[in-house]
Amino acid sequence: MSEIYDVAIVGAGPGGSAAAHYLSLRDFNVLLLDKCTFPRDKTCGDALTPRALRILDDMGLLDDLLKVGHSLTDVAFFAPKGHSVSAPVPLKESRTDFLLFIPRLILDNIILERALASGAQFQSPVRVTDIVQETQCTVIKGVHHNRTVEFKARMAIVAVGANMKLLFRMGLLKKTPQVMLSARAYFEGMSDMIDAAQCRFDGVPLPGYGWVFPLSKSSANIGAGFFRTGLSARWMPLAAPRTALLAFDAFIQTPPLQRMLRSARQVGPIKGYPLRMDFARSPTFAERVLLVGEAAGLVNPVTGEGIDYALESGKIAADYLTRMFSADDLSIENLARYDQFLRERCQRLLVLCDKLRFLYLNPLFLNRVIHSMARNEDLMTLFMNIAIETRTRTCTKDSLPEQFRRWSSDTIKVLHSSNEGRCCSWPTPALTGTR
């Protein structure tokens, strides 16, 4: 008779490995599966926010990560016209009041090794093709070295990121959600690097942004991402790039990037990737299954940041399963409480960010905001909370600075008065923080 695990986790990225770590520490029999053999590269911006670092510190990994990462305490925002302002990471008198940049090739392997040290079992490469339910367990079906395999567990966690094939097979997704298209590459030997993470709205399609995230004093992860569906597609200039690779190429050809890259060399290929950010409409659970991280659409719709949400939701899933096993209640009704908690914790901010993103269609708005951030502490705090800190319980329409709300209203009126605005349904009032 085959072994029945307590929990089988599909996907050994940050969310899956974090869940495996916390469950294994509590003496659960955990099997972690991934389609790749580790260490493996993962296309990403490589940024760890203070929220992500708090979970990694709780896992006992922060000191090790500081040895291999590049830390910064400032973010520089560049307006479409090129002017900029630098904002510091909000201080909370903790060990994690900074940003840390580590290639996912290194980061994900470190988190996986911690899960294994805590007692989780790991099998790869296993390409999971389906998850089905039996009377007393869930069955994970897959392919390992061209052989079909099956694993049984009392519960399953799906942490497959933006890979939607399994979710479609399970019936959890009915149609492809809206995604952000992104591409990045690594560069070494760079010059004119500033001591800050750069978020640039110059030289990229809007809504979207380019980034220069330092990995050392002379190397960086450089990328660009944008939205090409919905309202953004309707208002995007005809000459704007339509693929992530074209957007990336246009971004690195801008004068500021050319100055930084004039003596640099590219290391490895340019890699494109989609980012799901549909949490407000995404399922988070099914019979004997919980979804974590990007598999549940948990990505910031403004920045594309998702590692912090993956780590947090992985820990939350482990906490909920621990209570469910203790109560011997794995019912669908009990699983729904996991969804309720995630909604209470994350949905208000992510819905707000989704609506704020539409303001990026108007470069006039961004030019005004970034110009004023240097003189308006409320605006600077708002931008930093959205970009990296994301205070989910306090981010509402009424908490936004008055000047920001006024400019938002003006922007919406301008768009409504244009031909494009009249033929589209604009989300007015655009900045409610409700679900």
Protein backbone atom coordinates (compact mmCIF):
# COMPACT_ATOMS: atom_id res chain seq x y z
CA MET A 1 0.00 0.00 0.00
CA SER A 2 1.42 3.38 -0.98
CA GLU A 3 2.29 5.92 1.71
CA ILE A 4 -0.31 8.58 2.48
CA TYR A 5 1.33 11.87 3.37
CA ASP A 6 -0.28 14.44 5.60
CA VAL A 7 0.33 17.19 3.03
CA ALA A 8 1.64 17.11 -0.53
CA ILE A 9 2.82 20.45 -1.89
CA VAL A 10 3.06 21.08 -5.63
CA GLY A 11 5.70 23.71 -6.35
CA ALA A 12 8.92 24.25 -4.40
CA GLY A 13 9.20 28.01 -4.85
CA PRO A 14 9.09 30.38 -1.87
CA GLY A 15 5.40 29.76 -1.06
CA GLY A 16 5.53 25.99 -1.32
CA SER A 17 8.83 25.65 0.52
CA ALA A 18 7.71 28.01 3.29
CA ALA A 19 4.56 25.94 3.81
CA ALA A 20 6.65 22.76 3.83
CA HIS A 21 9.01 24.23 6.43
CA TYR A 22 6.29 25.29 8.85
CA LEU A 23 4.33 22.05 8.51
CA SER A 24 7.41 19.89 8.90
CA LEU A 25 8.44 21.74 12.05
CA ARG A 26 5.10 20.62 13.51
CA ASP A 27 5.89 16.97 12.73
CA PHE A 28 3.60 16.58 9.75
CA ASN A 29 4.64 14.16 7.02
CA VAL A 30 5.18 16.52 4.07
CA LEU A 31 6.02 15.74 0.45
CA LEU A 32 7.25 18.60 -1.74
CA LEU A 33 7.13 18.18 -5.52
CA ASP A 34 8.54 20.32 -8.32
CA LYS A 35 8.91 19.94 -12.06
CA CYS A 36 12.52 21.21 -11.87
CA THR A 37 15.68 19.91 -10.28
CA PHE A 38 17.11 22.46 -7.86
CA PRO A 39 18.90 24.80 -7.91
CA ARG A 40 16.98 26.22 -10.84
CA ASP A 41 16.60 29.71 -12.25
CA LYS A 42 13.30 31.57 -11.93
CA THR A 43 12.50 34.65 -13.97
CA CYS A 44 11.76 37.47 -11.53
CA GLY A 45 12.84 40.93 -10.39
CA ASP A 46 14.69 39.30 -7.45
CA ALA A 47 13.45 41.87 -4.89
CA LEU A 48 12.67 40.98 -1.28
CA THR A 49 10.55 43.53 0.56
CA PRO A 50 10.52 44.01 4.34
CA ARG A 51 7.37 41.87 4.48
CA ALA A 52 9.15 39.01 2.73
CA LEU A 53 12.20 39.44 4.92
CA ARG A 54 10.10 39.18 8.08
CA ILE A 55 8.92 35.70 7.09
CA LEU A 56 12.43 34.66 6.04
CA ASP A 57 13.76 35.94 9.36
CA ASP A 58 11.11 33.90 11.16
CA MET A 59 12.35 30.88 9.20
CA GLY A 60 15.87 31.56 10.47
CA LEU A 61 17.26 32.48 7.06
CA LEU A 62 17.91 36.21 7.23
CA ASP A 63 21.56 36.06 8.29
CA ASP A 64 22.39 33.56 5.55
CA LEU A 65 20.57 35.63 2.95
CA LEU A 66 22.43 38.80 3.93
CA LYS A 67 25.68 37.03 3.06
CA VAL A 68 24.62 36.42 -0.55
CA GLY A 69 22.28 39.36 -1.23
CA HIS A 70 22.61 43.09 -1.85
CA SER A 71 20.71 45.30 0.60
CA LEU A 72 19.37 48.82 -0.01
CA THR A 73 17.31 51.27 2.00
CA ASP A 74 16.06 53.60 -0.76
CA VAL A 75 13.84 53.44 -3.83
CA ALA A 76 14.19 56.00 -6.63
CA PHE A 77 11.05 56.73 -8.67
CA PHE A 78 11.54 58.21 -12.17
CA ALA A 79 8.65 60.04 -13.84
CA PRO A 80 7.84 59.69 -17.55
CA LYS A 81 9.62 63.03 -18.11
CA GLY A 82 12.72 61.69 -16.32
CA HIS A 83 12.72 63.66 -13.07
CA SER A 84 13.07 61.55 -9.97
CA VAL A 85 12.75 61.36 -6.22
CA SER A 86 14.25 58.90 -3.75
CA ALA A 87 12.22 57.56 -0.87
CA PRO A 88 13.51 55.61 2.12
CA VAL A 89 12.10 52.30 3.27
CA PRO A 90 9.72 53.06 6.17
CA LEU A 91 11.47 52.41 9.46
CA LYS A 92 9.73 50.12 11.93
CA GLU A 93 12.64 49.47 14.29
CA SER A 94 12.96 45.90 13.09
CA ARG A 95 15.69 43.75 11.58
CA THR A 96 14.05 43.97 8.17
CA ASP A 97 13.74 47.69 7.42
CA PHE A 98 15.44 47.39 4.04
CA LEU A 99 15.23 45.75 0.63
CA LEU A 100 17.30 42.73 -0.31
CA PHE A 101 18.08 41.56 -3.84
CA ILE A 102 19.03 37.93 -4.46
CA PRO A 103 18.77 35.97 -7.74
CA ARG A 104 16.04 33.37 -7.49
CA LEU A 105 18.55 30.70 -8.51
CA ILE A 106 20.11 31.22 -5.07
CA LEU A 107 17.10 32.31 -3.00
CA ASP A 108 14.71 29.49 -3.86
CA ASN A 109 17.35 26.85 -3.23
CA ILE A 110 18.11 28.28 0.21
CA ILE A 111 14.42 28.24 1.18
CA LEU A 112 14.00 24.70 -0.17
CA GLU A 113 17.02 23.50 1.82
CA ARG A 114 15.49 24.96 4.97
CA ALA A 115 12.27 23.03 4.32
CA LEU A 116 14.24 19.82 3.85
CA ALA A 117 16.26 20.47 7.02
CA SER A 118 12.95 20.87 8.86
CA GLY A 119 11.89 17.38 7.75
CA ALA A 120 10.07 17.73 4.42
CA GLN A 121 10.67 15.17 1.67
CA PHE A 122 11.39 16.37 -1.87
CA GLN A 123 10.98 14.69 -5.25
CA SER A 124 11.90 16.17 -8.61
CA PRO A 125 11.58 16.47 -11.50
CA VAL A 126 7.89 15.63 -11.16
CA ARG A 127 5.50 17.33 -13.56
CA VAL A 128 2.12 17.21 -11.85
CA THR A 129 -0.68 16.73 -14.38
CA ASP A 130 -3.76 16.52 -12.15
CA ILE A 131 -5.05 16.43 -8.59
CA VAL A 132 -8.16 14.33 -7.96
CA GLN A 133 -10.13 13.39 -4.87
CA GLU A 134 -10.72 9.98 -3.34
CA THR A 135 -12.83 9.22 -0.29
CA GLN A 136 -10.18 9.76 2.36
CA CYS A 137 -7.38 11.51 0.50
CA THR A 138 -6.29 13.52 -2.49
CA VAL A 139 -4.27 11.94 -5.30
CA ILE A 140 -1.53 13.87 -7.08
CA LYS A 141 -0.86 12.47 -10.54
CA GLY A 142 2.26 13.27 -12.49
CA VAL A 143 5.18 12.24 -14.64
CA HIS A 144 8.66 11.48 -13.31
CA HIS A 145 11.40 10.62 -15.85
CA ASN A 146 8.76 9.66 -18.45
CA ARG A 147 6.95 7.39 -16.00
CA THR A 148 3.52 8.08 -14.57
CA VAL A 149 3.49 8.43 -10.80
CA GLU A 150 0.87 8.99 -8.11
CA PHE A 151 1.16 10.36 -4.59
CA LYS A 152 -1.55 10.33 -1.94
CA ALA A 153 -2.02 12.86 0.83
CA ARG A 154 -4.73 13.97 3.22
CA MET A 155 -4.34 17.55 1.96
CA ALA A 156 -2.62 19.28 -0.94
CA ILE A 157 -1.17 22.76 -1.37
CA VAL A 158 -0.81 24.13 -4.89
CA ALA A 159 2.04 26.64 -5.26
CA VAL A 160 2.67 26.59 -9.00
CA GLY A 161 3.03 30.34 -9.57
CA ALA A 162 1.79 31.59 -12.94
CA ASN A 163 1.67 28.07 -14.42
CA MET A 164 -2.07 27.67 -15.00
CA LYS A 165 -2.28 24.28 -16.76
CA LEU A 166 -2.85 22.35 -13.54
CA LEU A 167 -5.47 24.83 -12.32
CA PHE A 168 -7.39 24.50 -15.60
CA ARG A 169 -7.20 20.71 -15.38
CA MET A 170 -8.57 20.82 -11.84
CA GLY A 171 -11.39 23.11 -12.91
CA LEU A 172 -10.24 25.93 -10.63
CA LEU A 173 -9.74 28.33 -13.54
CA LYS A 174 -12.31 28.72 -16.28
CA LYS A 175 -10.53 31.33 -18.39
CA THR A 176 -7.07 32.85 -18.59
CA PRO A 177 -6.81 35.78 -16.16
CA GLN A 178 -5.32 39.15 -16.98
CA VAL A 179 -1.55 39.13 -16.60
CA MET A 180 1.34 41.55 -16.58
CA LEU A 181 3.91 40.83 -19.29
CA SER A 182 7.50 41.18 -18.11
CA ALA A 183 11.05 40.47 -19.23
CA ARG A 184 14.38 40.76 -17.47
CA ALA A 185 18.10 40.14 -17.93
CA TYR A 186 21.21 40.32 -15.77
CA PHE A 187 24.04 42.76 -16.47
CA GLU A 188 27.53 43.10 -15.00
CA GLY A 189 30.15 45.83 -15.30
CA MET A 190 27.59 48.64 -15.09
CA SER A 191 28.43 52.27 -14.42
CA ASP A 192 26.59 55.32 -13.06
CA MET A 193 24.68 53.10 -10.63
CA ILE A 194 22.89 54.93 -7.83
CA ASP A 195 22.60 53.45 -4.35
CA ALA A 196 18.88 52.74 -4.68
CA ALA A 197 16.42 50.42 -6.36
CA GLN A 198 15.14 52.18 -9.47
CA CYS A 199 11.46 52.10 -10.50
CA ARG A 200 11.25 53.91 -13.83
CA PHE A 201 8.18 55.11 -15.68
CA ASP A 202 10.28 56.64 -18.47
CA GLY A 203 10.79 54.62 -21.61
CA VAL A 204 8.16 51.95 -20.87
CA PRO A 205 4.55 51.41 -21.96
CA LEU A 206 2.05 52.70 -19.42
CA PRO A 207 0.58 51.23 -17.30
CA GLY A 208 3.79 49.50 -16.41
CA TYR A 209 7.31 50.28 -15.28
CA GLY A 210 10.94 49.45 -15.79
CA TRP A 211 13.35 48.53 -13.04
CA VAL A 212 17.03 48.50 -12.24
CA PHE A 213 17.51 46.36 -9.12
CA PRO A 214 21.17 46.24 -8.05
CA LEU A 215 22.69 42.90 -7.15
CA SER A 216 26.04 44.52 -6.33
CA LYS A 217 27.74 47.89 -6.87
CA SER A 218 28.15 47.12 -10.59
CA SER A 219 25.56 44.47 -11.49
CA ALA A 220 21.79 44.47 -11.66
CA ASN A 221 18.59 42.75 -12.63
CA ILE A 222 17.07 45.00 -15.31
CA GLY A 223 13.57 44.51 -16.60
CA ALA A 224 10.32 45.97 -17.82
CA GLY A 225 6.69 44.99 -17.40
CA PHE A 226 3.38 46.30 -18.69
CA PHE A 227 -0.29 45.49 -19.17
CA ARG A 228 -1.66 45.06 -22.65
CA THR A 229 -5.25 44.00 -21.93
CA GLY A 230 -8.37 45.79 -20.84
CA LEU A 231 -8.31 49.58 -20.66
CA SER A 232 -4.55 49.71 -21.04
CA ALA A 233 -4.71 48.06 -24.47
CA ARG A 234 -7.36 50.51 -25.62
CA TRP A 235 -5.32 53.56 -24.68
CA MET A 236 -1.81 52.33 -25.36
CA PRO A 237 -0.21 54.22 -28.28
CA LEU A 238 -0.17 52.26 -31.52
CA ALA A 239 3.63 52.50 -31.63
CA ALA A 240 4.03 51.06 -28.12
CA PRO A 241 5.71 47.65 -27.78
CA ARG A 242 3.26 44.75 -27.76
CA THR A 243 5.47 42.05 -26.25
CA ALA A 244 7.56 41.92 -23.12
CA LEU A 245 10.77 41.42 -25.09
CA LEU A 246 10.08 44.46 -27.26
CA ALA A 247 9.27 46.54 -24.19
CA PHE A 248 12.50 45.40 -22.56
CA ASP A 249 14.54 46.23 -25.65
CA ALA A 250 12.98 49.70 -25.90
CA PHE A 251 13.63 50.31 -22.20
CA ILE A 252 17.35 49.51 -22.30
CA GLN A 253 17.75 51.74 -25.37
CA THR A 254 16.69 54.84 -23.42
CA PRO A 255 19.51 57.33 -22.67
CA PRO A 256 19.57 56.70 -18.88
CA LEU A 257 19.89 52.96 -19.39
CA GLN A 258 22.45 53.36 -22.16
CA ARG A 259 24.65 55.38 -19.80
CA MET A 260 24.48 52.64 -17.18
CA LEU A 261 25.10 49.90 -19.74
CA ARG A 262 27.79 51.54 -21.88
CA SER A 263 30.55 49.28 -20.50
CA ALA A 264 28.33 46.47 -19.22
CA ARG A 265 27.90 42.95 -20.48
CA GLN A 266 24.73 40.91 -20.42
CA VAL A 267 24.93 37.67 -18.44
CA GLY A 268 22.56 35.02 -19.70
CA PRO A 269 19.53 35.42 -21.96
CA ILE A 270 16.62 37.83 -21.74
CA LYS A 271 13.71 35.95 -20.20
CA GLY A 272 10.05 36.86 -20.44
CA TYR A 273 7.33 35.82 -18.01
CA PRO A 274 3.69 36.56 -17.14
CA LEU A 275 2.47 37.66 -13.72
CA ARG A 276 -0.99 36.84 -12.46
CA MET A 277 -2.62 39.48 -10.29
CA ASP A 278 -6.26 38.44 -10.15
CA PHE A 279 -6.61 37.63 -6.45
CA ALA A 280 -9.95 39.45 -6.15
CA ARG A 281 -11.48 36.96 -8.62
CA SER A 282 -9.28 33.92 -8.01
CA PRO A 283 -10.21 30.77 -6.06
CA THR A 284 -7.97 29.96 -3.11
CA PHE A 285 -9.26 26.53 -2.12
CA ALA A 286 -11.05 23.41 -3.29
CA GLU A 287 -11.86 20.02 -1.77
CA ARG A 288 -8.72 19.05 0.23
CA VAL A 289 -6.70 21.73 -1.61
CA LEU A 290 -5.33 25.16 -0.69
CA LEU A 291 -3.71 27.58 -3.14
CA VAL A 292 -0.87 29.90 -2.14
CA GLY A 293 1.04 32.76 -3.75
CA GLU A 294 0.63 33.51 -7.42
CA ALA A 295 -1.44 30.35 -7.91
CA ALA A 296 -4.11 32.28 -5.99
CA GLY A 297 -3.40 35.51 -7.90
CA LEU A 298 -1.56 37.00 -4.94
CA VAL A 299 0.62 39.56 -6.72
CA ASN A 300 0.67 43.34 -6.23
CA PRO A 301 -1.12 44.77 -9.31
CA VAL A 302 1.02 47.92 -9.30
CA THR A 303 4.52 46.52 -8.84
CA GLY A 304 4.21 42.85 -9.78
CA GLU A 305 5.77 41.91 -6.43
CA GLY A 306 4.72 38.45 -5.28
CA ILE A 307 7.44 36.80 -3.19
CA ASP A 308 6.18 38.40 0.02
CA TYR A 309 2.62 37.23 -0.65
CA ALA A 310 3.88 33.74 -1.51
CA LEU A 311 5.83 33.45 1.74
CA GLU A 312 3.00 34.89 3.84
CA SER A 313 0.28 32.74 2.28
CA GLY A 314 2.51 29.66 2.59
CA LYS A 315 2.83 30.27 6.32
CA ILE A 316 -0.89 31.04 6.65
CA ALA A 317 -1.78 27.83 4.82
CA ALA A 318 0.47 25.87 7.18
CA ASP A 319 -1.18 27.52 10.19
CA TYR A 320 -4.67 26.73 8.95
CA LEU A 321 -3.86 23.13 8.11
CA THR A 322 -2.32 22.67 11.54
CA ARG A 323 -5.57 23.78 13.18
CA MET A 324 -7.66 21.67 10.81
CA PHE A 325 -5.66 18.53 11.49
CA SER A 326 -5.83 19.22 15.23
CA ALA A 327 -9.62 19.51 15.02
CA ASP A 328 -9.81 16.53 12.65
CA ASP A 329 -11.92 18.68 10.35
CA LEU A 330 -10.79 18.87 6.72
CA SER A 331 -14.21 19.90 5.45
CA ILE A 332 -14.72 22.32 2.61
CA GLU A 333 -16.45 24.64 5.08
CA ASN A 334 -13.33 24.78 7.21
CA LEU A 335 -11.15 25.37 4.15
CA ALA A 336 -13.32 28.37 3.31
CA ARG A 337 -12.04 30.07 6.47
CA TYR A 338 -8.58 30.18 4.87
CA ASP A 339 -10.08 32.09 1.95
CA GLN A 340 -11.90 34.42 4.32
CA PHE A 341 -8.70 35.23 6.20
CA LEU A 342 -6.77 35.94 2.99
CA ARG A 343 -9.55 38.24 1.78
CA GLU A 344 -9.59 40.15 5.06
CA ARG A 345 -5.81 40.50 5.00
CA CYS A 346 -5.07 41.20 1.34
CA GLN A 347 -8.08 42.04 -0.77
CA ARG A 348 -8.59 45.66 0.23
CA LEU A 349 -5.06 46.64 -0.72
CA LEU A 350 -4.93 44.59 -3.91
CA VAL A 351 -8.26 45.96 -5.17
CA LEU A 352 -7.04 49.48 -4.41
CA CYS A 353 -3.76 48.85 -6.25
CA ASP A 354 -5.65 47.39 -9.19
CA LYS A 355 -7.58 50.65 -9.52
CA LEU A 356 -4.55 52.85 -8.91
CA ARG A 357 -2.82 51.06 -11.77
CA PHE A 358 -5.22 52.59 -14.29
CA LEU A 359 -3.90 56.04 -13.38
CA TYR A 360 -0.60 55.02 -14.98
CA LEU A 361 -2.33 55.45 -18.33
CA ASN A 362 -1.81 59.18 -17.89
CA PRO A 363 1.85 60.30 -17.73
CA LEU A 364 0.69 63.74 -16.60
CA PHE A 365 -0.51 62.20 -13.37
CA LEU A 366 2.78 60.39 -12.71
CA ASN A 367 4.82 63.48 -13.57
CA ARG A 368 2.85 65.53 -11.04
CA VAL A 369 2.95 62.93 -8.28
CA ILE A 370 6.66 62.17 -8.51
CA HIS A 371 7.49 65.87 -8.75
CA SER A 372 5.55 66.52 -5.54
CA MET A 373 6.74 63.50 -3.56
CA ALA A 374 9.91 65.31 -2.51
CA ARG A 375 7.80 67.97 -0.75
CA ASN A 376 4.88 65.86 0.43
CA GLU A 377 5.62 63.21 3.01
CA ASP A 378 2.11 61.73 2.74
CA LEU A 379 2.55 61.10 -0.98
CA MET A 380 5.97 59.56 -0.42
CA THR A 381 4.61 57.29 2.31
CA LEU A 382 1.72 56.24 0.08
CA PHE A 383 4.03 55.32 -2.79
CA MET A 384 6.31 53.33 -0.51
CA ASN A 385 3.41 51.52 1.15
CA ILE A 386 2.09 50.50 -2.25
CA ALA A 387 5.50 49.65 -3.69
CA ILE A 388 6.98 47.65 -0.83
CA GLU A 389 5.27 47.89 2.55
CA THR A 390 1.59 47.35 1.68
CA ARG A 391 -0.28 48.07 4.86
CA THR A 392 -3.39 46.14 3.97
CA ARG A 393 -5.64 47.16 6.85
CA THR A 394 -5.15 50.93 6.57
CA CYS A 395 -5.02 51.44 2.80
CA THR A 396 -8.45 52.82 1.86
CA LYS A 397 -9.81 55.67 -0.21
CA ASP A 398 -10.17 57.86 2.89
CA SER A 399 -6.56 57.22 3.95
CA LEU A 400 -5.13 58.59 0.68
CA PRO A 401 -3.61 62.08 0.78
CA GLU A 402 -6.08 64.77 -0.28
CA GLN A 403 -3.78 66.03 -3.04
CA PHE A 404 -3.48 62.51 -4.46
CA ARG A 405 -7.26 62.05 -4.44
CA ARG A 406 -7.78 65.41 -6.14
CA TRP A 407 -5.29 64.59 -8.91
CA SER A 408 -6.90 61.16 -9.31
CA SER A 409 -10.30 62.78 -9.76
CA ASP A 410 -8.88 65.29 -12.25
CA THR A 411 -7.23 62.48 -14.23
CA ILE A 412 -10.47 60.51 -14.42
CA LYS A 413 -12.36 63.60 -15.62
CA VAL A 414 -9.78 64.21 -18.34
CA LEU A 415 -10.04 60.63 -19.54
CA HIS A 416 -13.84 60.73 -19.48
CA SER A 417 -13.81 63.91 -21.59
CA SER A 418 -11.66 62.25 -24.25
CA ASN A 419 -12.94 59.95 -26.99
CA GLU A 420 -11.31 57.01 -25.26
CA GLY A 421 -12.94 57.84 -21.94
CA ARG A 422 -16.40 58.07 -23.48
CA CYS A 423 -16.17 54.61 -25.04
CA CYS A 424 -14.89 52.88 -21.92
CA SER A 425 -16.25 52.16 -18.49
CA TRP A 426 -13.94 53.92 -16.08
CA PRO A 427 -13.86 52.69 -12.45
CA THR A 428 -15.34 55.75 -10.74
CA PRO A 429 -14.89 56.48 -7.95
CA ALA A 430 -11.59 54.83 -8.80
CA LEU A 431 -10.00 54.64 -5.39
CA THR A 432 -12.39 52.81 -3.10
CA GLY A 433 -10.64 50.30 -0.91
CA THR A 434 -13.56 47.90 -0.60
CA ARG A 435 -13.81 44.46 -2.12
